Amino acid sequence: MSVRDLSYAAWQARRGRSSERLNQLNAGLPPYRRERLRGAVEADVLRRLGTPEALIGPVGSDAEVERERAELVAFARRLRATAGNR
């Protein structure tokens, strides 16, 4: 069994080899914009860390964020139940 080198230097070397392919893929895709809500506190922390606004996405109240997450969980459960019936 081979052991994969998980060092930072090895990651950089692998990343350098795939950068041309990654650039080709990114050129064909629209820029990513987060559409799911984030809470105000989480958004503030991400801004202080220098995260671009497109990756922070829209900010909602804690109740709105919780409602959206509950809807996503319910949707995932419906998908799982449907997949189990096939």
N, C-alpha and C. Protein backbone atom coordinates (compact mmCIF):
# COMPACT_ATOMS: atom_id res chain seq x y z
N MET A 1 0.84 -1.18 0.00
CA MET A 1 0.00 0.00 0.00
C MET A 1 0.89 1.24 0.00
N SER A 2 0.60 2.19 -0.88
CA SER A 2 1.40 3.40 -0.94
C SER A 2 0.87 4.42 0.07
N VAL A 3 1.77 5.26 0.53
CA VAL A 3 1.40 6.30 1.47
C VAL A 3 1.45 7.64 0.74
N ARG A 4 0.36 8.36 0.75
CA ARG A 4 0.28 9.64 0.05
C ARG A 4 0.91 10.73 0.92
N ASP A 5 1.72 11.56 0.29
CA ASP A 5 2.35 12.68 0.99
C ASP A 5 1.33 13.79 1.15
N LEU A 6 0.94 14.09 2.37
CA LEU A 6 -0.07 15.10 2.63
C LEU A 6 0.54 16.42 3.12
N SER A 7 1.82 16.60 2.89
CA SER A 7 2.48 17.82 3.34
C SER A 7 2.04 19.01 2.51
N TYR A 8 2.27 20.20 3.04
CA TYR A 8 1.93 21.43 2.34
C TYR A 8 2.73 21.54 1.04
N ALA A 9 4.01 21.19 1.08
CA ALA A 9 4.85 21.25 -0.12
C ALA A 9 4.32 20.33 -1.22
N ALA A 10 3.88 19.14 -0.83
CA ALA A 10 3.33 18.20 -1.82
C ALA A 10 2.02 18.74 -2.39
N TRP A 11 1.20 19.35 -1.55
CA TRP A 11 -0.05 19.93 -2.02
C TRP A 11 0.23 21.04 -3.03
N GLN A 12 1.22 21.90 -2.74
CA GLN A 12 1.56 22.96 -3.67
C GLN A 12 2.04 22.39 -5.01
N ALA A 13 2.82 21.32 -4.97
CA ALA A 13 3.32 20.71 -6.20
C ALA A 13 2.16 20.15 -7.02
N ARG A 14 1.22 19.46 -6.34
CA ARG A 14 0.05 18.93 -7.05
C ARG A 14 -0.79 20.05 -7.61
N ARG A 15 -0.95 21.10 -6.86
CA ARG A 15 -1.75 22.25 -7.28
C ARG A 15 -1.13 22.92 -8.50
N GLY A 16 0.18 23.04 -8.52
CA GLY A 16 0.87 23.66 -9.65
C GLY A 16 0.67 22.89 -10.93
N ARG A 17 0.65 21.56 -10.84
CA ARG A 17 0.46 20.73 -12.03
C ARG A 17 -0.95 20.87 -12.59
N SER A 18 -1.92 21.11 -11.73
CA SER A 18 -3.30 21.16 -12.20
C SER A 18 -3.81 22.58 -12.45
N SER A 19 -2.96 23.59 -12.26
CA SER A 19 -3.43 24.96 -12.38
C SER A 19 -3.89 25.31 -13.79
N GLU A 20 -3.22 24.79 -14.81
CA GLU A 20 -3.64 25.08 -16.18
C GLU A 20 -5.03 24.53 -16.44
N ARG A 21 -5.27 23.30 -16.04
CA ARG A 21 -6.59 22.68 -16.21
C ARG A 21 -7.64 23.42 -15.40
N LEU A 22 -7.30 23.82 -14.20
CA LEU A 22 -8.22 24.55 -13.35
C LEU A 22 -8.58 25.90 -13.97
N ASN A 23 -7.61 26.57 -14.55
CA ASN A 23 -7.88 27.84 -15.22
C ASN A 23 -8.83 27.66 -16.41
N GLN A 24 -8.68 26.56 -17.14
CA GLN A 24 -9.59 26.28 -18.26
C GLN A 24 -11.02 26.06 -17.75
N LEU A 25 -11.13 25.30 -16.68
CA LEU A 25 -12.46 25.03 -16.12
C LEU A 25 -13.10 26.31 -15.59
N ASN A 26 -12.33 27.12 -14.87
CA ASN A 26 -12.87 28.35 -14.31
C ASN A 26 -13.28 29.34 -15.40
N ALA A 27 -12.58 29.33 -16.53
CA ALA A 27 -12.91 30.24 -17.63
C ALA A 27 -14.29 29.93 -18.20
N GLY A 28 -14.72 28.69 -18.11
CA GLY A 28 -16.00 28.29 -18.67
C GLY A 28 -17.16 28.37 -17.69
N LEU A 29 -16.89 28.76 -16.47
CA LEU A 29 -17.94 28.82 -15.45
C LEU A 29 -18.18 30.26 -15.01
N PRO A 30 -19.42 30.58 -14.65
CA PRO A 30 -19.67 31.92 -14.11
C PRO A 30 -19.06 32.02 -12.71
N PRO A 31 -18.77 33.23 -12.25
CA PRO A 31 -18.21 33.37 -10.91
C PRO A 31 -19.22 32.89 -9.86
N TYR A 32 -18.71 32.28 -8.80
CA TYR A 32 -19.57 31.74 -7.75
C TYR A 32 -20.12 32.88 -6.89
N ARG A 33 -21.41 32.81 -6.60
CA ARG A 33 -22.05 33.73 -5.66
C ARG A 33 -22.88 32.88 -4.71
N ARG A 34 -22.65 33.05 -3.44
CA ARG A 34 -23.43 32.32 -2.44
C ARG A 34 -24.84 32.87 -2.42
N GLU A 35 -25.83 31.98 -2.40
CA GLU A 35 -27.22 32.40 -2.39
C GLU A 35 -27.92 32.10 -1.07
N ARG A 36 -27.33 31.19 -0.27
CA ARG A 36 -27.93 30.86 1.02
C ARG A 36 -27.62 31.95 2.03
N LEU A 37 -28.53 32.15 2.96
CA LEU A 37 -28.36 33.17 3.99
C LEU A 37 -27.28 32.80 4.98
N ARG A 38 -26.64 33.83 5.51
CA ARG A 38 -25.72 33.69 6.64
C ARG A 38 -26.23 34.60 7.75
N GLY A 39 -25.91 34.23 8.96
CA GLY A 39 -26.22 35.08 10.09
C GLY A 39 -25.29 36.29 10.12
N ALA A 40 -25.71 37.35 10.78
CA ALA A 40 -24.93 38.59 10.83
C ALA A 40 -23.58 38.39 11.51
N VAL A 41 -23.55 37.61 12.58
CA VAL A 41 -22.29 37.39 13.31
C VAL A 41 -21.30 36.63 12.43
N GLU A 42 -21.77 35.58 11.79
CA GLU A 42 -20.90 34.79 10.90
C GLU A 42 -20.37 35.65 9.75
N ALA A 43 -21.24 36.48 9.17
CA ALA A 43 -20.83 37.36 8.07
C ALA A 43 -19.78 38.36 8.54
N ASP A 44 -19.95 38.91 9.74
CA ASP A 44 -18.95 39.85 10.27
C ASP A 44 -17.60 39.19 10.46
N VAL A 45 -17.59 37.97 10.99
CA VAL A 45 -16.32 37.25 11.17
C VAL A 45 -15.65 37.01 9.82
N LEU A 46 -16.41 36.59 8.83
CA LEU A 46 -15.85 36.34 7.50
C LEU A 46 -15.30 37.62 6.87
N ARG A 47 -15.99 38.73 7.07
CA ARG A 47 -15.49 40.02 6.54
C ARG A 47 -14.16 40.39 7.20
N ARG A 48 -14.07 40.20 8.51
CA ARG A 48 -12.81 40.51 9.21
C ARG A 48 -11.66 39.64 8.72
N LEU A 49 -11.99 38.44 8.26
CA LEU A 49 -10.96 37.54 7.73
C LEU A 49 -10.61 37.86 6.28
N GLY A 50 -11.35 38.79 5.66
CA GLY A 50 -11.05 39.19 4.29
C GLY A 50 -11.78 38.39 3.22
N THR A 51 -12.85 37.70 3.60
CA THR A 51 -13.62 36.92 2.64
C THR A 51 -14.35 37.85 1.67
N PRO A 52 -14.28 37.59 0.37
CA PRO A 52 -15.00 38.43 -0.59
C PRO A 52 -16.52 38.37 -0.35
N GLU A 53 -17.19 39.48 -0.61
CA GLU A 53 -18.65 39.57 -0.39
C GLU A 53 -19.41 38.50 -1.17
N ALA A 54 -18.95 38.17 -2.37
CA ALA A 54 -19.65 37.16 -3.17
C ALA A 54 -19.68 35.80 -2.48
N LEU A 55 -18.68 35.54 -1.63
CA LEU A 55 -18.63 34.27 -0.91
C LEU A 55 -19.35 34.35 0.43
N ILE A 56 -19.59 35.55 0.92
CA ILE A 56 -20.33 35.70 2.17
C ILE A 56 -21.82 35.54 1.89
N GLY A 57 -22.28 36.16 0.83
CA GLY A 57 -23.68 36.02 0.43
C GLY A 57 -24.60 36.93 1.21
N PRO A 58 -25.90 36.71 1.04
CA PRO A 58 -26.87 37.56 1.72
C PRO A 58 -26.89 37.28 3.22
N VAL A 59 -27.21 38.31 3.98
CA VAL A 59 -27.25 38.20 5.44
C VAL A 59 -28.70 38.30 5.88
N GLY A 60 -29.08 37.39 6.77
CA GLY A 60 -30.43 37.40 7.29
C GLY A 60 -30.43 37.32 8.80
N SER A 61 -31.60 37.45 9.37
CA SER A 61 -31.71 37.32 10.82
C SER A 61 -31.48 35.86 11.21
N ASP A 62 -31.24 35.64 12.49
CA ASP A 62 -31.02 34.27 12.96
C ASP A 62 -32.24 33.39 12.67
N ALA A 63 -33.44 33.96 12.80
CA ALA A 63 -34.66 33.19 12.53
C ALA A 63 -34.76 32.83 11.05
N GLU A 64 -34.41 33.76 10.17
CA GLU A 64 -34.45 33.48 8.73
C GLU A 64 -33.44 32.41 8.35
N VAL A 65 -32.23 32.50 8.92
CA VAL A 65 -31.19 31.50 8.63
C VAL A 65 -31.65 30.12 9.11
N GLU A 66 -32.21 30.06 10.31
CA GLU A 66 -32.68 28.78 10.86
C GLU A 66 -33.81 28.21 10.02
N ARG A 67 -34.73 29.05 9.56
CA ARG A 67 -35.85 28.58 8.72
C ARG A 67 -35.32 28.02 7.39
N GLU A 68 -34.36 28.73 6.78
CA GLU A 68 -33.80 28.26 5.51
C GLU A 68 -33.09 26.93 5.69
N ARG A 69 -32.32 26.79 6.78
CA ARG A 69 -31.62 25.52 7.03
C ARG A 69 -32.61 24.39 7.28
N ALA A 70 -33.68 24.68 8.00
CA ALA A 70 -34.70 23.64 8.25
C ALA A 70 -35.35 23.21 6.94
N GLU A 71 -35.60 24.15 6.04
CA GLU A 71 -36.17 23.81 4.74
C GLU A 71 -35.21 22.93 3.93
N LEU A 72 -33.91 23.23 4.00
CA LEU A 72 -32.92 22.42 3.29
C LEU A 72 -32.86 21.00 3.84
N VAL A 73 -32.92 20.87 5.16
CA VAL A 73 -32.90 19.54 5.78
C VAL A 73 -34.15 18.76 5.39
N ALA A 74 -35.30 19.42 5.41
CA ALA A 74 -36.54 18.75 5.01
C ALA A 74 -36.47 18.29 3.56
N PHE A 75 -35.93 19.14 2.69
CA PHE A 75 -35.76 18.78 1.28
C PHE A 75 -34.85 17.56 1.13
N ALA A 76 -33.73 17.56 1.85
CA ALA A 76 -32.79 16.43 1.77
C ALA A 76 -33.44 15.14 2.27
N ARG A 77 -34.25 15.25 3.31
CA ARG A 77 -34.93 14.05 3.82
C ARG A 77 -35.95 13.51 2.82
N ARG A 78 -36.65 14.43 2.13
CA ARG A 78 -37.59 13.98 1.09
C ARG A 78 -36.86 13.28 -0.04
N LEU A 79 -35.70 13.83 -0.45
CA LEU A 79 -34.91 13.19 -1.50
C LEU A 79 -34.46 11.80 -1.07
N ARG A 80 -33.97 11.69 0.16
CA ARG A 80 -33.52 10.40 0.66
C ARG A 80 -34.66 9.39 0.70
N ALA A 81 -35.83 9.83 1.13
CA ALA A 81 -36.98 8.93 1.19
C ALA A 81 -37.39 8.49 -0.20
N THR A 82 -37.35 9.41 -1.15
CA THR A 82 -37.70 9.07 -2.55
C THR A 82 -36.69 8.10 -3.13
N ALA A 83 -35.41 8.30 -2.87
CA ALA A 83 -34.36 7.42 -3.40
C ALA A 83 -34.48 6.03 -2.78
N GLY A 84 -34.93 5.95 -1.54
CA GLY A 84 -35.08 4.65 -0.89
C GLY A 84 -36.22 3.85 -1.42
N ASN A 85 -37.18 4.49 -2.07
CA ASN A 85 -38.35 3.81 -2.60
C ASN A 85 -38.14 3.26 -4.01
N ARG A 86 -37.01 3.52 -4.59
CA ARG A 86 -36.78 3.08 -5.97
C ARG A 86 -36.19 1.71 -6.01
